[in-house]
Amino acid sequence: MNSVNRRDFLTHAGGGLGAFALGASGLWTPRAHGASANDKSALVMIFLPGGIDGVRFFSGQNFASAGTFGITTANTVVLNPNETDPANRLVVDAMFNQLNPFAKAHFAAAGVAHGITAHGPGKAAAFTAAGKSGPLALANAMGGDGAIKCAAVGQEQPYGPSAAVGGVSYQQINDMQSTINALGGGAPDPTMPKRDLAAAAIGASEALSDPALKGNKDSLVTLTNGYKVAQASLKKPAQQFKPEELRTAYNLQSTVVNTFMAKMAAAELMIHAGANVVVMVDGGGLQWDTHGDTSGARSRGAFASRIMPGLKTFTDRMVTADASYNVHVVIIGDFNRSTPGADHAGTTSAAIIGPRVKVGTTANVDTGVRLPQGTPGMDGLWALLGQISGGSAVASALVPGGNPHTRLVAE
């Protein structure tokens, strides 16, 4: 993975990046969804390692009556109360009532019958589509002219395949100000060369390194990708940003991406900078491995305190009826928790929030946390994400056969 920051760019360039004055305008001008065929689409993937309890949060249809996992009618809400088909009735944790009305009206849950109950394979599977990195393949298929098409925000790295897809690689964002500087939105610095000169210097450095890069394709892949991203960033016009607006909106003290709230702020920044896909992992290790949490108190409390504030702020700004971009958020973990001890189930459930999904579910599990026979695996989820992000062509480019979760796609 490549770390996108000022130091790396300076190293590659043998000099530096040009810096341009920060603009006075806001991050963007709102535009109604669908007002233009050129509306930018983007996907934000939130991964909760260890196995988020998707049953408790967005698949509670068959558990409220028995009180399993602490699920009751008092702490859940039905997002489609007029739905007569039990298989499509979406029951989620009541904390999602904090989301704005548009987000709640465009909230779906997809079931994944991957059959995996081990952390390592479960983590890798969540990031894999047809044998390739799902985020990278999606970012590549979506096209566009962003210099950074797939960003990984924060210190934690995505799981699964990491090889570039169609030239698109993960670019790690650890400090928003460094990224703003790289995109030409930092304060003027007379000691730094102009952007076109810096791009030319990086190109010359790449040419000198070409024999080594070609002779060591695997070990030097991050440098190869870094050269390309650095030049692409510098060749684009300087972009205007207001980091103080992000700090205020997300209640941040700095631009360092070291909390979940900061990761959501960084996701907003990178979408505006042209990224198609933004990935974030909430802590390394097994942050969400809540064995024995049969009442749901631990996982519910963790989600409410760690995830919900940032998710609400982001969706209030980016997933609304008048947002500029068609942004979707997917939340997923290794697997669901099993009954009765909140251990490892062989299924997982993903929540998807955004304008091109409609309220519904393919994630309702039975009391043994099993999905109906024929429920697709992780490839099916990635095909759905491709469909809502770029249409049928993108879905088919990710996974042969396209999206099996058709009832979750808004017409």
Protein backbone atom coordinates (compact mmCIF):
# COMPACT_ATOMS: atom_id res chain seq x y z
CA MET A 1 0.00 0.00 0.00
CA ASN A 2 1.18 3.51 -0.74
CA SER A 3 1.15 6.28 1.82
CA VAL A 4 0.02 9.54 0.24
CA ASN A 5 1.68 12.34 2.14
CA ARG A 6 4.04 15.23 1.63
CA ARG A 7 7.15 13.32 2.63
CA ASP A 8 6.64 10.55 0.06
CA PHE A 9 5.87 13.01 -2.69
CA LEU A 10 9.01 14.96 -1.84
CA THR A 11 11.06 11.78 -1.92
CA HIS A 12 9.69 10.75 -5.30
CA ALA A 13 10.09 14.20 -6.79
CA GLY A 14 13.55 14.92 -5.47
CA GLY A 15 12.11 18.33 -4.73
CA GLY A 16 8.59 19.07 -3.71
CA LEU A 17 5.03 19.85 -4.56
CA GLY A 18 3.76 23.23 -5.47
CA ALA A 19 1.43 24.70 -2.88
CA PHE A 20 -1.51 26.94 -3.71
CA ALA A 21 -3.59 29.24 -1.58
CA LEU A 22 -6.59 27.76 0.16
CA GLY A 23 -9.78 28.88 -1.53
CA ALA A 24 -12.48 30.82 0.22
CA SER A 25 -15.35 28.71 -1.09
CA GLY A 26 -16.93 25.79 0.74
CA LEU A 27 -16.29 22.14 -0.06
CA TRP A 28 -18.91 22.07 -2.81
CA THR A 29 -22.19 23.50 -4.02
CA PRO A 30 -25.16 21.21 -3.30
CA ARG A 31 -27.05 19.76 -6.23
CA ALA A 32 -30.13 17.54 -6.15
CA HIS A 33 -29.62 13.81 -6.77
CA GLY A 34 -30.12 12.97 -10.39
CA ALA A 35 -30.00 16.61 -11.50
CA SER A 36 -27.12 15.82 -13.82
CA ALA A 37 -25.91 12.71 -15.56
CA ASN A 38 -22.44 13.70 -14.39
CA ASP A 39 -23.23 13.49 -10.67
CA LYS A 40 -20.22 11.94 -8.96
CA SER A 41 -20.73 8.52 -7.37
CA ALA A 42 -18.61 7.18 -4.54
CA LEU A 43 -18.61 4.30 -2.07
CA VAL A 44 -17.40 4.42 1.53
CA MET A 45 -16.64 1.01 3.04
CA ILE A 46 -16.61 0.77 6.84
CA PHE A 47 -15.13 -2.50 8.06
CA LEU A 48 -15.47 -3.57 11.69
CA PRO A 49 -12.91 -6.34 12.31
CA GLY A 50 -13.80 -9.24 14.53
CA GLY A 51 -17.39 -9.77 13.41
CA ILE A 52 -19.90 -6.96 13.86
CA ASP A 53 -23.22 -8.34 15.03
CA GLY A 54 -25.14 -7.67 11.84
CA VAL A 55 -28.07 -9.62 13.28
CA ARG A 56 -28.42 -7.23 16.18
CA PHE A 57 -27.96 -4.07 14.16
CA PHE A 58 -29.77 -4.72 10.88
CA SER A 59 -31.28 -8.21 10.76
CA GLY A 60 -33.55 -8.43 13.80
CA GLN A 61 -36.73 -9.63 12.10
CA ASN A 62 -36.82 -13.05 13.78
CA PHE A 63 -35.41 -12.22 17.21
CA ALA A 64 -37.48 -9.52 18.90
CA SER A 65 -40.17 -11.89 20.14
CA ALA A 66 -37.62 -14.10 21.94
CA GLY A 67 -35.34 -11.30 23.09
CA THR A 68 -32.30 -12.98 21.55
CA PHE A 69 -29.16 -10.81 21.75
CA GLY A 70 -31.21 -8.30 23.71
CA ILE A 71 -33.29 -7.48 20.62
CA THR A 72 -36.76 -6.22 21.51
CA THR A 73 -39.48 -4.17 19.87
CA ALA A 74 -38.46 -1.32 22.19
CA ASN A 75 -34.86 -1.08 20.95
CA THR A 76 -35.51 -1.71 17.25
CA VAL A 77 -37.29 0.12 14.45
CA VAL A 78 -38.93 -1.19 11.28
CA LEU A 79 -37.73 0.94 8.37
CA ASN A 80 -40.40 -0.36 5.98
CA PRO A 81 -43.45 -0.82 8.25
CA ASN A 82 -45.84 -1.25 5.31
CA GLU A 83 -43.92 -4.22 3.91
CA THR A 84 -46.09 -7.36 3.88
CA ASP A 85 -43.35 -9.81 2.88
CA PRO A 86 -41.53 -10.92 6.06
CA ALA A 87 -38.42 -11.75 4.03
CA ASN A 88 -38.12 -8.10 3.01
CA ARG A 89 -39.07 -6.53 6.34
CA LEU A 90 -36.09 -4.55 7.60
CA VAL A 91 -35.72 -4.35 11.40
CA VAL A 92 -32.71 -2.35 12.58
CA ASP A 93 -31.37 -1.11 15.88
CA ALA A 94 -33.25 1.98 17.07
CA MET A 95 -30.02 4.00 17.16
CA PHE A 96 -30.33 4.30 13.36
CA ASN A 97 -33.29 6.60 14.02
CA GLN A 98 -30.60 9.25 14.49
CA LEU A 99 -29.97 9.25 10.74
CA ASN A 100 -31.66 11.86 8.61
CA PRO A 101 -34.96 10.93 6.90
CA PHE A 102 -33.36 10.58 3.46
CA ALA A 103 -30.72 8.16 4.76
CA LYS A 104 -33.35 6.06 6.56
CA ALA A 105 -35.46 5.97 3.40
CA HIS A 106 -32.44 4.64 1.49
CA PHE A 107 -31.21 1.98 3.90
CA ALA A 108 -30.90 -1.68 2.96
CA ALA A 109 -29.30 -4.82 4.37
CA ALA A 110 -27.71 -7.53 2.23
CA GLY A 111 -27.09 -11.07 3.39
CA VAL A 112 -23.83 -12.85 2.65
CA ALA A 113 -23.73 -16.65 2.97
CA HIS A 114 -19.95 -17.00 2.82
CA GLY A 115 -19.75 -20.01 5.14
CA ILE A 116 -16.69 -18.57 6.93
CA THR A 117 -16.26 -18.72 10.70
CA ALA A 118 -12.54 -17.84 11.05
CA HIS A 119 -11.32 -14.26 11.38
CA GLY A 120 -8.51 -14.32 8.82
CA PRO A 121 -10.52 -15.75 5.93
CA GLY A 122 -13.56 -13.67 6.95
CA LYS A 123 -11.59 -10.43 6.82
CA ALA A 124 -10.01 -11.29 3.49
CA ALA A 125 -13.33 -12.34 1.97
CA ALA A 126 -14.99 -9.01 2.81
CA PHE A 127 -12.46 -7.24 0.59
CA THR A 128 -12.50 -9.75 -2.28
CA ALA A 129 -14.60 -9.74 -5.45
CA ALA A 130 -14.05 -12.57 -7.95
CA GLY A 131 -10.52 -13.16 -6.68
CA LYS A 132 -9.44 -9.50 -6.82
CA SER A 133 -9.56 -6.64 -4.37
CA GLY A 134 -13.19 -5.53 -4.33
CA PRO A 135 -12.44 -1.88 -3.49
CA LEU A 136 -9.72 -1.60 -6.13
CA ALA A 137 -11.73 -3.40 -8.81
CA LEU A 138 -14.76 -1.20 -8.12
CA ALA A 139 -12.69 2.00 -8.12
CA ASN A 140 -11.17 0.96 -11.43
CA ALA A 141 -14.49 0.00 -13.02
CA MET A 142 -16.09 3.29 -12.00
CA GLY A 143 -13.51 5.20 -14.06
CA GLY A 144 -13.33 8.96 -13.70
CA ASP A 145 -10.33 11.25 -13.66
CA GLY A 146 -9.46 11.35 -9.95
CA ALA A 147 -5.74 11.10 -9.26
CA ILE A 148 -6.50 8.94 -6.20
CA LYS A 149 -9.31 6.55 -7.11
CA CYS A 150 -9.18 4.35 -4.00
CA ALA A 151 -8.17 5.77 -0.61
CA ALA A 152 -7.60 3.90 2.64
CA VAL A 153 -8.03 6.39 5.47
CA GLY A 154 -6.25 5.90 8.78
CA GLN A 155 -3.35 3.70 9.87
CA GLU A 156 -5.19 0.37 9.52
CA GLN A 157 -4.76 -1.32 6.16
CA PRO A 158 -7.49 -3.14 4.22
CA TYR A 159 -7.50 -6.92 4.23
CA GLY A 160 -7.56 -9.33 1.30
CA PRO A 161 -5.85 -8.91 -2.09
CA SER A 162 -3.76 -5.77 -2.44
CA ALA A 163 -2.49 -6.02 -6.03
CA ALA A 164 -3.41 -3.02 -8.17
CA VAL A 165 -6.36 -3.47 -10.53
CA GLY A 166 -6.13 -1.65 -13.84
CA GLY A 167 -3.46 0.60 -12.38
CA VAL A 168 -5.61 1.52 -9.34
CA SER A 169 -3.91 0.94 -6.00
CA TYR A 170 -4.69 1.71 -2.37
CA GLN A 171 -3.44 5.13 -1.31
CA GLN A 172 -3.22 5.52 2.46
CA ILE A 173 -4.32 8.84 3.96
CA ASN A 174 -3.01 9.52 7.46
CA ASP A 175 -3.18 13.32 7.55
CA MET A 176 -5.77 15.40 5.71
CA GLN A 177 -3.56 18.49 5.59
CA SER A 178 -0.76 16.57 3.87
CA THR A 179 -3.26 15.35 1.31
CA ILE A 180 -4.65 18.86 0.82
CA ASN A 181 -1.09 20.07 0.25
CA ALA A 182 -0.54 17.33 -2.32
CA LEU A 183 -3.70 18.37 -4.15
CA GLY A 184 -2.59 21.98 -4.28
CA GLY A 185 -4.82 23.36 -1.56
CA GLY A 186 -2.25 24.18 1.09
CA ALA A 187 -0.88 27.54 2.13
CA PRO A 188 1.59 29.19 -0.28
CA ASP A 189 5.18 28.02 0.19
CA PRO A 190 7.78 29.89 -1.86
CA THR A 191 10.38 27.17 -1.20
CA MET A 192 8.34 24.60 -3.13
CA PRO A 193 8.52 24.29 -6.95
CA LYS A 194 5.49 24.90 -9.14
CA ARG A 195 3.23 21.92 -9.72
CA ASP A 196 4.16 21.43 -13.37
CA LEU A 197 7.86 21.52 -12.52
CA ALA A 198 7.37 19.05 -9.65
CA ALA A 199 5.43 16.70 -11.96
CA ALA A 200 8.23 16.89 -14.52
CA ALA A 201 10.82 16.15 -11.83
CA ILE A 202 8.89 13.07 -10.72
CA GLY A 203 8.59 11.95 -14.34
CA ALA A 204 12.34 12.30 -14.79
CA SER A 205 12.97 10.37 -11.60
CA GLU A 206 10.60 7.63 -12.78
CA ALA A 207 12.43 7.41 -16.12
CA LEU A 208 15.79 7.05 -14.36
CA SER A 209 14.31 4.34 -12.14
CA ASP A 210 12.63 2.48 -15.01
CA PRO A 211 15.15 -0.39 -15.27
CA ALA A 212 14.93 -1.10 -11.54
CA LEU A 213 11.13 -0.79 -11.53
CA LYS A 214 10.73 -3.22 -14.43
CA GLY A 215 13.27 -5.63 -12.98
CA ASN A 216 11.64 -5.67 -9.55
CA LYS A 217 7.91 -5.41 -10.31
CA ASP A 218 6.76 -7.03 -7.09
CA SER A 219 9.14 -5.55 -4.53
CA LEU A 220 8.96 -2.03 -6.01
CA VAL A 221 5.25 -1.99 -6.83
CA THR A 222 4.50 0.67 -4.22
CA LEU A 223 7.12 2.97 -5.72
CA THR A 224 5.76 2.35 -9.23
CA ASN A 225 2.25 3.21 -8.10
CA GLY A 226 3.52 6.18 -6.10
CA TYR A 227 5.18 7.73 -9.15
CA LYS A 228 1.94 7.49 -11.12
CA VAL A 229 -0.28 8.93 -8.39
CA ALA A 230 2.15 11.75 -7.61
CA GLN A 231 2.31 12.84 -11.25
CA ALA A 232 -1.42 12.52 -11.76
CA SER A 233 -2.09 14.67 -8.69
CA LEU A 234 0.33 17.38 -9.76
CA LYS A 235 -0.93 17.55 -13.33
CA LYS A 236 -4.44 18.39 -12.20
CA PRO A 237 -5.50 21.93 -11.35
CA ALA A 238 -5.05 22.89 -7.71
CA GLN A 239 -8.22 22.14 -5.73
CA GLN A 240 -9.75 24.42 -3.15
CA PHE A 241 -10.49 23.04 0.30
CA LYS A 242 -11.49 24.40 3.68
CA PRO A 243 -10.02 22.04 6.28
CA GLU A 244 -11.41 24.24 9.07
CA GLU A 245 -14.91 23.39 7.84
CA LEU A 246 -14.20 19.67 8.18
CA ARG A 247 -12.62 20.12 11.61
CA THR A 248 -15.67 22.03 12.81
CA ALA A 249 -18.22 19.66 11.29
CA TYR A 250 -16.54 16.55 12.72
CA ASN A 251 -15.38 18.19 15.98
CA LEU A 252 -11.69 17.56 15.32
CA GLN A 253 -8.69 19.22 16.91
CA SER A 254 -6.32 18.44 14.04
CA THR A 255 -6.22 17.00 10.54
CA VAL A 256 -4.52 13.76 11.64
CA VAL A 257 -6.64 10.72 10.74
CA ASN A 258 -6.45 8.86 14.06
CA THR A 259 -10.09 8.42 15.15
CA PHE A 260 -13.20 7.08 13.48
CA MET A 261 -14.65 10.59 13.33
CA ALA A 262 -11.48 11.76 11.58
CA LYS A 263 -11.77 8.86 9.14
CA MET A 264 -15.26 9.96 8.16
CA ALA A 265 -13.98 13.51 7.67
CA ALA A 266 -11.14 12.17 5.54
CA ALA A 267 -13.64 10.14 3.51
CA GLU A 268 -15.56 13.33 2.75
CA LEU A 269 -12.35 15.08 1.74
CA MET A 270 -11.23 12.26 -0.56
CA ILE A 271 -14.60 12.02 -2.29
CA HIS A 272 -14.42 15.73 -3.04
CA ALA A 273 -10.86 15.18 -4.28
CA GLY A 274 -12.15 12.64 -6.81
CA ALA A 275 -11.89 9.25 -5.08
CA ASN A 276 -14.35 6.58 -6.22
CA VAL A 277 -13.91 4.33 -3.19
CA VAL A 278 -12.83 5.11 0.37
CA VAL A 279 -12.06 2.27 2.79
CA MET A 280 -11.69 2.46 6.54
CA VAL A 281 -11.03 -0.19 9.18
CA ASP A 282 -12.14 0.60 12.73
CA GLY A 283 -9.07 -0.44 14.65
CA GLY A 284 -6.87 -3.41 13.99
CA GLY A 285 -7.06 -6.81 15.61
CA LEU A 286 -10.45 -8.05 16.79
CA GLN A 287 -12.12 -4.82 17.87
CA TRP A 288 -15.63 -6.23 17.32
CA ASP A 289 -15.09 -9.83 18.45
CA THR A 290 -17.75 -9.74 21.18
CA HIS A 291 -17.89 -13.33 22.45
CA GLY A 292 -20.40 -13.83 25.24
CA ASP A 293 -22.18 -10.55 24.59
CA THR A 294 -25.57 -12.23 24.67
CA SER A 295 -27.39 -9.11 25.84
CA GLY A 296 -25.90 -6.94 23.12
CA ALA A 297 -24.78 -4.32 25.64
CA ARG A 298 -21.13 -4.31 24.60
CA SER A 299 -21.57 -4.21 20.86
CA ARG A 300 -24.50 -1.81 21.02
CA GLY A 301 -22.58 0.54 23.29
CA ALA A 302 -19.46 0.37 21.12
CA PHE A 303 -21.39 1.14 17.96
CA ALA A 304 -23.26 4.00 19.62
CA SER A 305 -20.10 5.65 20.94
CA ARG A 306 -17.50 4.78 18.29
CA ILE A 307 -19.37 4.63 14.99
CA MET A 308 -22.69 6.42 15.18
CA PRO A 309 -21.47 10.01 15.71
CA GLY A 310 -19.22 9.93 12.65
CA LEU A 311 -21.75 8.03 10.56
CA LYS A 312 -24.47 10.54 11.39
CA THR A 313 -22.28 13.55 10.63
CA PHE A 314 -21.14 12.06 7.34
CA THR A 315 -24.62 11.05 6.18
CA ASP A 316 -26.06 14.40 7.24
CA ARG A 317 -23.52 16.08 4.97
CA MET A 318 -23.15 13.57 2.15
CA VAL A 319 -26.26 11.34 2.02
CA THR A 320 -29.14 13.78 1.79
CA ALA A 321 -31.74 14.73 -0.80
CA ASP A 322 -29.71 17.76 -1.92
CA ALA A 323 -26.20 16.29 -1.82
CA SER A 324 -23.85 16.94 -4.71
CA TYR A 325 -22.65 13.37 -4.92
CA ASN A 326 -24.36 9.98 -5.07
CA VAL A 327 -22.53 8.57 -2.06
CA HIS A 328 -23.20 5.14 -0.58
CA VAL A 329 -21.93 3.74 2.70
CA VAL A 330 -21.53 0.01 3.36
CA ILE A 331 -20.91 -1.34 6.88
CA ILE A 332 -19.70 -4.91 7.27
CA GLY A 333 -17.58 -7.20 9.45
CA ASP A 334 -16.08 -10.70 9.30
CA PHE A 335 -19.32 -12.51 10.14
CA ASN A 336 -22.48 -12.38 12.24
CA ARG A 337 -22.51 -13.54 15.86
CA SER A 338 -23.99 -16.99 16.44
CA THR A 339 -26.60 -18.07 18.98
CA PRO A 340 -26.59 -18.60 21.87
CA GLY A 341 -23.10 -17.39 22.86
CA ALA A 342 -22.40 -14.61 20.33
CA ASP A 343 -19.65 -16.67 18.73
CA HIS A 344 -18.84 -17.04 15.01
CA ALA A 345 -21.67 -17.64 12.52
CA GLY A 346 -21.09 -18.66 8.90
CA THR A 347 -22.99 -15.67 7.56
CA THR A 348 -22.61 -11.94 7.60
CA SER A 349 -24.91 -8.98 7.03
CA ALA A 350 -24.02 -5.68 5.41
CA ALA A 351 -25.86 -2.39 5.79
CA ILE A 352 -25.91 -0.14 2.72
CA ILE A 353 -27.06 3.47 2.93
CA GLY A 354 -27.37 5.73 -0.11
CA PRO A 355 -29.59 7.18 -2.83
CA ARG A 356 -29.58 4.20 -5.17
CA VAL A 357 -30.79 1.64 -2.65
CA LYS A 358 -34.33 1.20 -1.43
CA VAL A 359 -35.45 0.03 1.97
CA GLY A 360 -35.45 -3.74 2.17
CA THR A 361 -33.32 -6.72 3.06
CA THR A 362 -31.88 -10.00 1.89
CA ALA A 363 -30.20 -10.43 5.28
CA ASN A 364 -32.95 -11.84 7.50
CA VAL A 365 -31.51 -14.92 9.19
CA ASP A 366 -33.34 -17.67 11.05
CA THR A 367 -32.91 -18.27 14.78
CA GLY A 368 -29.77 -20.31 14.02
CA VAL A 369 -28.31 -17.25 12.21
CA ARG A 370 -28.60 -19.05 8.88
CA LEU A 371 -29.57 -17.36 5.63
CA PRO A 372 -32.02 -18.95 3.17
CA GLN A 373 -30.60 -21.52 0.79
CA GLY A 374 -29.33 -19.87 -2.36
CA THR A 375 -28.27 -16.62 -0.68
CA PRO A 376 -25.13 -15.45 -2.52
CA GLY A 377 -21.71 -15.02 -0.97
CA MET A 378 -19.38 -12.03 -0.94
CA ASP A 379 -19.25 -11.77 -4.72
CA GLY A 380 -22.97 -11.06 -4.66
CA LEU A 381 -22.50 -8.16 -2.26
CA TRP A 382 -19.76 -6.64 -4.42
CA ALA A 383 -21.98 -6.96 -7.48
CA LEU A 384 -24.68 -5.03 -5.58
CA LEU A 385 -22.16 -2.36 -4.63
CA GLY A 386 -21.10 -2.16 -8.26
CA GLN A 387 -24.71 -1.80 -9.41
CA ILE A 388 -25.50 1.12 -7.12
CA SER A 389 -22.13 2.77 -7.76
CA GLY A 390 -22.04 2.53 -11.54
CA GLY A 391 -24.88 0.49 -12.97
CA SER A 392 -25.14 -2.98 -14.51
CA ALA A 393 -21.94 -2.66 -16.53
CA VAL A 394 -19.87 -1.98 -13.40
CA ALA A 395 -21.61 -4.82 -11.50
CA SER A 396 -20.81 -7.27 -14.28
CA ALA A 397 -17.24 -6.01 -14.52
CA LEU A 398 -16.77 -6.88 -10.85
CA VAL A 399 -18.58 -10.22 -10.80
CA PRO A 400 -19.72 -12.28 -13.81
CA GLY A 401 -23.50 -12.49 -13.81
CA GLY A 402 -24.05 -9.15 -12.09
CA ASN A 403 -26.11 -8.24 -9.04
CA PRO A 404 -28.25 -10.94 -7.36
CA HIS A 405 -29.72 -8.49 -4.81
CA THR A 406 -31.92 -6.72 -7.36
CA ARG A 407 -34.75 -5.92 -4.96
CA LEU A 408 -32.45 -3.63 -2.99
CA VAL A 409 -31.74 -1.33 -5.96
CA ALA A 410 -33.86 1.79 -6.37
CA GLU A 411 -35.38 2.24 -9.80
